[in-house]
Amino acid sequence: MATLLLAAFVVPLPADAQGTGKIVRIGRLSPLSAETDSPNLEAFRKGLRELGWVEGRGFTIESRFAGGKSERLAELAAELVQRRVDLILTGSTPGALAARKATTTIPIVMVTTGDPVAGGLVASLARPGGNVTGVTALGQALNTKRLELIKESVPGVTRVAVLTNPASAYTPPFLREKAAAARALGLQLPVLEARDPGQFEKAFAGLATERAGALMVQSDAMFITHRGRIVELAARSRVPAVYGEREFVNAGGLMFYGASLADMYRDAAAYADKILKGAKPADLPVEQPTKPELVINLKAAKALGLTIPPSVLGRADHLVE
């Protein structure tokens, strides 16, 4: 009887914490600043807590932040490898590529918005192979939907400018995806370029030159880091803009359509849990979010004199008033 009572109160610990005394070390490689990345990292921590992990007892996180400077990712990835972390959590396609270049043995869990197969990160979504797996929001369907939302929300729009970072290796495939989606909708996509914040003013001046009726912004760490300035310039230019990250709407932007990063990072925690308990990244299929979010900032719409149609408002998951 005593044995049964004792068993009832035993709480199982994560496998790596049971009897070994080992605290696993997770390396966080982020293209963002610590402040911007904080909600993502907290969602990951929450996911681990829900799976029974206790920070400080079962795991620690050692972070490296590139602050929007993707050129630093290779150096920061090498630092984490030198620190002999047990797993690396990356938050972008360039970050995952930098981590994989730095190590072929340490497991890498990625959270990306690009195609990891086309990017050379995994052999296939079903069987990644190698040391990389995780969660990805494939861009083609999202890009098409963002353009559909613009066409439905902005009367008579025919030209949608795309703000890109020419320094990013992801820009060419991003533009190919956008072009395919635009052709299907009868839209033209003039390209605006900014490789650093000092080029933002010149890029936004191109909105008038290109006679753009709306704007899309590439998912890029530098743009996310300086989202406040981008939202300000879009408002000053009086051009409706749709973004691929909710942080832009939180900063006052008009519209976000994309995957919930909080959900993706909680899913990443499940990958970390499995890998730290012995699973191999090569055998864990890459997952995709099943339900994107639509968030509309009604205050920003009013400032632009834009009336969002009821058909679009009715599909919104959140309205900012």
Protein backbone atom coordinates (compact mmCIF):
# COMPACT_ATOMS: atom_id res chain seq x y z
CA MET A 1 0.00 0.00 0.00
CA ALA A 2 2.79 2.41 0.93
CA THR A 3 4.51 1.63 -2.37
CA LEU A 4 1.36 2.46 -4.31
CA LEU A 5 0.91 5.76 -2.48
CA LEU A 6 4.51 6.73 -3.14
CA ALA A 7 4.18 5.91 -6.83
CA ALA A 8 1.11 8.12 -7.10
CA PHE A 9 3.13 11.16 -6.09
CA VAL A 10 6.17 10.57 -8.29
CA VAL A 11 6.30 13.21 -11.04
CA PRO A 12 8.31 12.02 -14.05
CA LEU A 13 11.12 14.34 -15.11
CA PRO A 14 12.32 14.84 -18.67
CA ALA A 15 14.53 11.95 -19.71
CA ASP A 16 17.79 13.88 -19.60
CA ALA A 17 17.11 15.03 -16.04
CA GLN A 18 16.36 11.59 -14.65
CA GLY A 19 19.23 10.27 -12.61
CA THR A 20 21.97 11.78 -14.78
CA GLY A 21 22.21 15.16 -13.08
CA LYS A 22 22.94 16.67 -16.50
CA ILE A 23 21.54 20.07 -17.39
CA VAL A 24 21.24 20.27 -21.16
CA ARG A 25 22.34 23.47 -22.86
CA ILE A 26 20.25 24.93 -25.66
CA GLY A 27 21.88 27.51 -27.90
CA ARG A 28 19.55 30.19 -29.26
CA LEU A 29 20.72 31.75 -32.54
CA SER A 30 18.49 34.72 -33.38
CA PRO A 31 18.75 37.20 -36.24
CA LEU A 32 16.91 39.75 -34.07
CA SER A 33 17.74 41.86 -31.03
CA ALA A 34 17.19 40.42 -27.56
CA GLU A 35 14.19 42.72 -27.04
CA THR A 36 12.49 41.83 -30.33
CA ASP A 37 13.18 38.12 -29.89
CA SER A 38 11.90 37.99 -26.31
CA PRO A 39 8.30 36.87 -27.13
CA ASN A 40 9.61 34.06 -29.36
CA LEU A 41 11.99 32.78 -26.73
CA GLU A 42 9.30 32.98 -24.06
CA ALA A 43 6.93 30.91 -26.24
CA PHE A 44 9.70 28.29 -26.59
CA ARG A 45 10.30 28.29 -22.83
CA LYS A 46 6.57 27.92 -22.22
CA GLY A 47 6.46 24.95 -24.57
CA LEU A 48 9.28 23.26 -22.68
CA ARG A 49 7.59 23.94 -19.34
CA GLU A 50 4.39 22.35 -20.61
CA LEU A 51 6.44 19.25 -21.44
CA GLY A 52 7.82 19.02 -17.91
CA TRP A 53 11.17 20.77 -18.31
CA VAL A 54 12.38 23.09 -15.56
CA GLU A 55 14.81 25.84 -16.53
CA GLY A 56 17.92 25.79 -14.38
CA ARG A 57 17.34 22.16 -13.37
CA GLY A 58 16.77 20.37 -16.67
CA PHE A 59 17.98 22.92 -19.21
CA THR A 60 19.58 26.31 -19.73
CA ILE A 61 19.45 28.60 -22.75
CA GLU A 62 22.51 30.42 -24.04
CA SER A 63 21.52 33.07 -26.58
CA ARG A 64 23.28 34.93 -29.37
CA PHE A 65 21.47 37.86 -31.04
CA ALA A 66 22.49 39.32 -34.41
CA GLY A 67 20.43 42.49 -33.91
CA GLY A 68 19.16 42.52 -37.49
CA LYS A 69 22.66 42.07 -38.94
CA SER A 70 22.50 38.74 -40.74
CA GLU A 71 26.19 38.91 -41.59
CA ARG A 72 26.91 38.20 -37.91
CA LEU A 73 25.05 34.88 -37.86
CA ALA A 74 28.01 32.74 -39.00
CA GLU A 75 30.23 34.13 -36.23
CA LEU A 76 27.53 33.68 -33.58
CA ALA A 77 26.75 30.13 -34.74
CA ALA A 78 30.43 29.25 -34.43
CA GLU A 79 30.42 30.62 -30.87
CA LEU A 80 27.55 28.33 -29.88
CA VAL A 81 29.30 25.33 -31.41
CA GLN A 82 32.47 26.19 -29.48
CA ARG A 83 30.36 26.34 -26.32
CA ARG A 84 29.38 22.69 -26.98
CA VAL A 85 25.64 23.26 -26.67
CA ASP A 86 23.42 20.18 -26.92
CA LEU A 87 20.97 21.71 -29.41
CA ILE A 88 20.69 24.90 -31.46
CA LEU A 89 17.37 26.74 -31.92
CA THR A 90 17.37 29.06 -34.95
CA GLY A 91 14.82 31.67 -35.96
CA SER A 92 15.36 32.29 -39.68
CA THR A 93 16.48 30.60 -42.88
CA PRO A 94 19.85 32.46 -42.86
CA GLY A 95 20.26 31.48 -39.19
CA ALA A 96 19.56 27.83 -39.90
CA LEU A 97 22.01 27.88 -42.81
CA ALA A 98 24.69 29.48 -40.63
CA ALA A 99 24.15 26.92 -37.88
CA ARG A 100 24.28 23.99 -40.29
CA LYS A 101 27.48 25.33 -41.83
CA ALA A 102 28.97 25.56 -38.33
CA THR A 103 28.05 21.99 -37.34
CA THR A 104 26.80 18.77 -38.90
CA THR A 105 26.55 16.94 -35.57
CA ILE A 106 24.74 19.22 -33.09
CA PRO A 107 20.94 18.97 -33.64
CA ILE A 108 19.36 22.12 -35.07
CA VAL A 109 15.68 23.00 -34.60
CA MET A 110 14.62 25.73 -37.03
CA VAL A 111 11.67 28.10 -37.10
CA THR A 112 11.57 29.62 -40.59
CA THR A 113 9.28 31.25 -43.14
CA GLY A 114 11.13 29.96 -46.20
CA ASP A 115 11.24 26.66 -48.06
CA PRO A 116 13.87 24.54 -46.27
CA VAL A 117 14.07 22.10 -49.18
CA ALA A 118 14.75 24.80 -51.78
CA GLY A 119 17.14 26.42 -49.30
CA GLY A 120 19.15 23.23 -48.99
CA LEU A 121 18.48 22.77 -45.29
CA VAL A 122 16.67 19.43 -45.52
CA ALA A 123 16.35 16.67 -48.12
CA SER A 124 12.55 16.68 -47.85
CA LEU A 125 9.88 17.77 -45.39
CA ALA A 126 8.94 14.16 -44.63
CA ARG A 127 12.51 12.91 -44.12
CA PRO A 128 14.86 15.82 -43.45
CA GLY A 129 18.10 13.82 -43.23
CA GLY A 130 21.12 15.49 -41.65
CA ASN A 131 20.93 17.40 -38.37
CA VAL A 132 18.19 19.96 -39.14
CA THR A 133 14.42 19.78 -38.61
CA GLY A 134 11.68 22.00 -37.19
CA VAL A 135 8.78 24.21 -38.26
CA THR A 136 8.39 26.24 -41.44
CA ALA A 137 5.68 28.49 -42.85
CA LEU A 138 6.10 27.93 -46.59
CA GLY A 139 5.86 31.26 -48.37
CA GLN A 140 4.02 30.63 -51.65
CA ALA A 141 0.51 30.21 -50.24
CA LEU A 142 1.03 33.04 -47.74
CA ASN A 143 2.36 35.39 -50.43
CA THR A 144 -0.64 34.70 -52.64
CA LYS A 145 -3.04 35.33 -49.78
CA ARG A 146 -1.34 38.60 -48.80
CA LEU A 147 -1.69 39.88 -52.34
CA GLU A 148 -5.33 38.76 -52.42
CA LEU A 149 -5.97 40.70 -49.20
CA ILE A 150 -4.40 43.82 -50.69
CA LYS A 151 -6.43 43.53 -53.89
CA GLU A 152 -9.62 43.02 -51.91
CA SER A 153 -8.91 45.83 -49.42
CA VAL A 154 -7.48 48.56 -51.68
CA PRO A 155 -9.92 49.54 -54.47
CA GLY A 156 -8.40 49.62 -57.96
CA VAL A 157 -4.88 48.67 -56.93
CA THR A 158 -2.74 47.33 -59.80
CA ARG A 159 0.81 47.97 -58.59
CA VAL A 160 2.06 46.63 -55.25
CA ALA A 161 5.61 47.64 -54.31
CA VAL A 162 7.76 45.07 -52.53
CA LEU A 163 10.40 46.25 -50.05
CA THR A 164 13.37 43.86 -50.15
CA ASN A 165 16.85 43.51 -48.70
CA PRO A 166 19.22 42.79 -51.63
CA ALA A 167 21.88 41.61 -49.17
CA SER A 168 19.73 38.64 -48.13
CA ALA A 169 20.29 35.27 -49.81
CA TYR A 170 16.55 34.66 -49.44
CA THR A 171 15.56 37.66 -51.61
CA PRO A 172 15.73 35.94 -55.06
CA PRO A 173 13.43 33.02 -54.08
CA PHE A 174 11.18 35.46 -52.21
CA LEU A 175 10.75 37.57 -55.36
CA ARG A 176 10.13 34.49 -57.51
CA GLU A 177 7.33 33.44 -55.15
CA LYS A 178 5.85 36.94 -55.19
CA ALA A 179 6.03 37.21 -58.99
CA ALA A 180 4.17 33.92 -59.47
CA ALA A 181 1.43 35.02 -57.07
CA ALA A 182 1.17 38.48 -58.68
CA ARG A 183 0.78 37.09 -62.21
CA ALA A 184 -2.16 34.97 -61.10
CA LEU A 185 -3.86 38.09 -59.71
CA GLY A 186 -3.01 40.48 -62.54
CA LEU A 187 -0.79 42.66 -60.33
CA GLN A 188 2.56 44.30 -61.03
CA LEU A 189 5.31 44.23 -58.38
CA PRO A 190 7.87 47.04 -58.57
CA VAL A 191 10.82 46.25 -56.29
CA LEU A 192 12.20 48.67 -53.69
CA GLU A 193 15.58 47.90 -52.12
CA ALA A 194 17.18 48.75 -48.77
CA ARG A 195 20.20 46.88 -47.47
CA ASP A 196 20.42 48.96 -44.28
CA PRO A 197 18.25 51.51 -42.40
CA GLY A 198 20.12 54.38 -44.05
CA GLN A 199 18.47 53.42 -47.35
CA PHE A 200 14.88 53.37 -46.07
CA GLU A 201 14.10 56.97 -47.10
CA LYS A 202 15.31 56.40 -50.66
CA ALA A 203 13.39 53.13 -50.91
CA PHE A 204 10.12 54.69 -49.77
CA ALA A 205 10.60 57.61 -52.16
CA GLY A 206 10.30 54.96 -54.85
CA LEU A 207 6.65 54.39 -53.93
CA ALA A 208 5.67 57.59 -55.75
CA THR A 209 8.07 57.00 -58.65
CA GLU A 210 6.67 53.51 -59.17
CA ARG A 211 3.05 54.69 -58.73
CA ALA A 212 2.51 51.94 -56.17
CA GLY A 213 -0.94 51.67 -54.63
CA ALA A 214 0.14 49.37 -51.80
CA LEU A 215 3.22 47.85 -50.18
CA MET A 216 4.45 44.44 -49.07
CA VAL A 217 7.54 44.01 -46.89
CA GLN A 218 9.89 41.06 -47.14
CA SER A 219 10.32 38.93 -44.02
CA ASP A 220 13.83 40.00 -43.05
CA ALA A 221 15.57 40.39 -39.70
CA MET A 222 16.79 43.90 -40.51
CA PHE A 223 13.28 45.06 -41.40
CA ILE A 224 11.77 43.46 -38.30
CA THR A 225 14.40 45.08 -36.08
CA HIS A 226 13.60 48.52 -37.55
CA ARG A 227 9.86 47.91 -37.92
CA GLY A 228 8.93 51.16 -36.16
CA ARG A 229 10.71 53.23 -38.80
CA ILE A 230 9.21 51.22 -41.66
CA VAL A 231 5.67 51.59 -40.27
CA GLU A 232 6.28 55.34 -39.84
CA LEU A 233 7.46 55.74 -43.44
CA ALA A 234 4.53 53.72 -44.79
CA ALA A 235 2.10 55.93 -42.86
CA ARG A 236 3.85 59.10 -44.04
CA SER A 237 3.67 57.86 -47.63
CA ARG A 238 -0.05 57.10 -47.12
CA VAL A 239 0.35 53.67 -48.70
CA PRO A 240 -1.51 50.63 -47.28
CA ALA A 241 0.98 47.94 -46.27
CA VAL A 242 0.67 44.25 -45.42
CA TYR A 243 3.34 42.49 -43.38
CA GLY A 244 4.44 38.94 -42.70
CA GLU A 245 5.14 39.50 -38.99
CA ARG A 246 2.68 40.58 -36.34
CA GLU A 247 5.31 42.84 -34.74
CA PHE A 248 4.66 45.39 -37.51
CA VAL A 249 0.98 45.70 -36.59
CA ASN A 250 1.96 45.92 -32.93
CA ALA A 251 4.11 48.90 -33.99
CA GLY A 252 1.14 50.57 -35.74
CA GLY A 253 1.17 48.88 -39.16
CA LEU A 254 -2.00 48.19 -41.12
CA MET A 255 -2.25 44.45 -41.69
CA PHE A 256 -0.51 41.17 -40.84
CA TYR A 257 -1.18 37.82 -42.44
CA GLY A 258 0.98 34.85 -41.57
CA ALA A 259 1.79 32.09 -39.16
CA SER A 260 1.66 32.63 -35.40
CA LEU A 261 5.27 32.71 -34.25
CA ALA A 262 4.18 31.88 -30.71
CA ASP A 263 2.61 28.65 -31.95
CA MET A 264 5.64 27.85 -34.09
CA TYR A 265 8.02 28.27 -31.16
CA ARG A 266 5.85 26.11 -28.93
CA ASP A 267 6.01 23.47 -31.65
CA ALA A 268 9.79 23.92 -31.76
CA ALA A 269 9.87 23.08 -28.04
CA ALA A 270 8.24 19.73 -28.84
CA TYR A 271 11.03 19.02 -31.32
CA ALA A 272 13.67 19.95 -28.75
CA ASP A 273 12.00 17.68 -26.20
CA LYS A 274 12.06 14.69 -28.57
CA ILE A 275 15.65 15.29 -29.68
CA LEU A 276 16.97 15.79 -26.15
CA LYS A 277 15.33 12.49 -25.25
CA GLY A 278 17.16 10.67 -28.03
CA ALA A 279 15.28 11.21 -31.30
CA LYS A 280 17.30 12.08 -34.41
CA PRO A 281 16.50 15.25 -36.39
CA ALA A 282 16.90 13.25 -39.61
CA ASP A 283 13.86 11.16 -38.67
CA LEU A 284 11.53 13.97 -37.50
CA PRO A 285 9.40 15.43 -40.34
CA VAL A 286 9.35 19.20 -40.78
CA GLU A 287 5.92 20.56 -39.80
CA GLN A 288 3.93 23.48 -41.18
CA PRO A 289 1.45 25.71 -39.31
CA THR A 290 -2.11 24.78 -40.20
CA LYS A 291 -3.89 28.10 -39.57
CA PRO A 292 -2.39 31.49 -40.44
CA GLU A 293 -3.57 34.60 -38.57
CA LEU A 294 -5.05 37.79 -39.98
CA VAL A 295 -4.67 40.91 -37.83
CA ILE A 296 -5.99 44.30 -38.98
CA ASN A 297 -5.23 47.66 -37.39
CA LEU A 298 -8.42 49.70 -37.78
CA LYS A 299 -6.74 52.81 -36.37
CA ALA A 300 -4.12 52.66 -39.13
CA ALA A 301 -6.84 52.09 -41.74
CA LYS A 302 -8.73 55.17 -40.54
CA ALA A 303 -5.57 57.29 -40.69
CA LEU A 304 -5.15 56.22 -44.33
CA GLY A 305 -8.80 56.92 -45.14
CA LEU A 306 -9.14 53.25 -46.05
CA THR A 307 -12.36 51.34 -45.45
CA ILE A 308 -11.64 47.65 -45.03
CA PRO A 309 -14.47 45.63 -46.67
CA PRO A 310 -16.69 43.54 -44.36
CA SER A 311 -15.61 40.43 -46.30
CA VAL A 312 -12.03 41.00 -45.08
CA LEU A 313 -12.95 42.16 -41.57
CA GLY A 314 -15.05 39.05 -41.09
CA ARG A 315 -11.99 36.85 -41.67
CA ALA A 316 -9.77 38.69 -39.18
CA ASP A 317 -8.60 36.82 -36.10
CA HIS A 318 -7.86 40.09 -34.28
CA LEU A 319 -8.87 43.72 -34.83
CA VAL A 320 -6.77 46.52 -33.33
CA GLU A 321 -8.96 49.54 -32.55
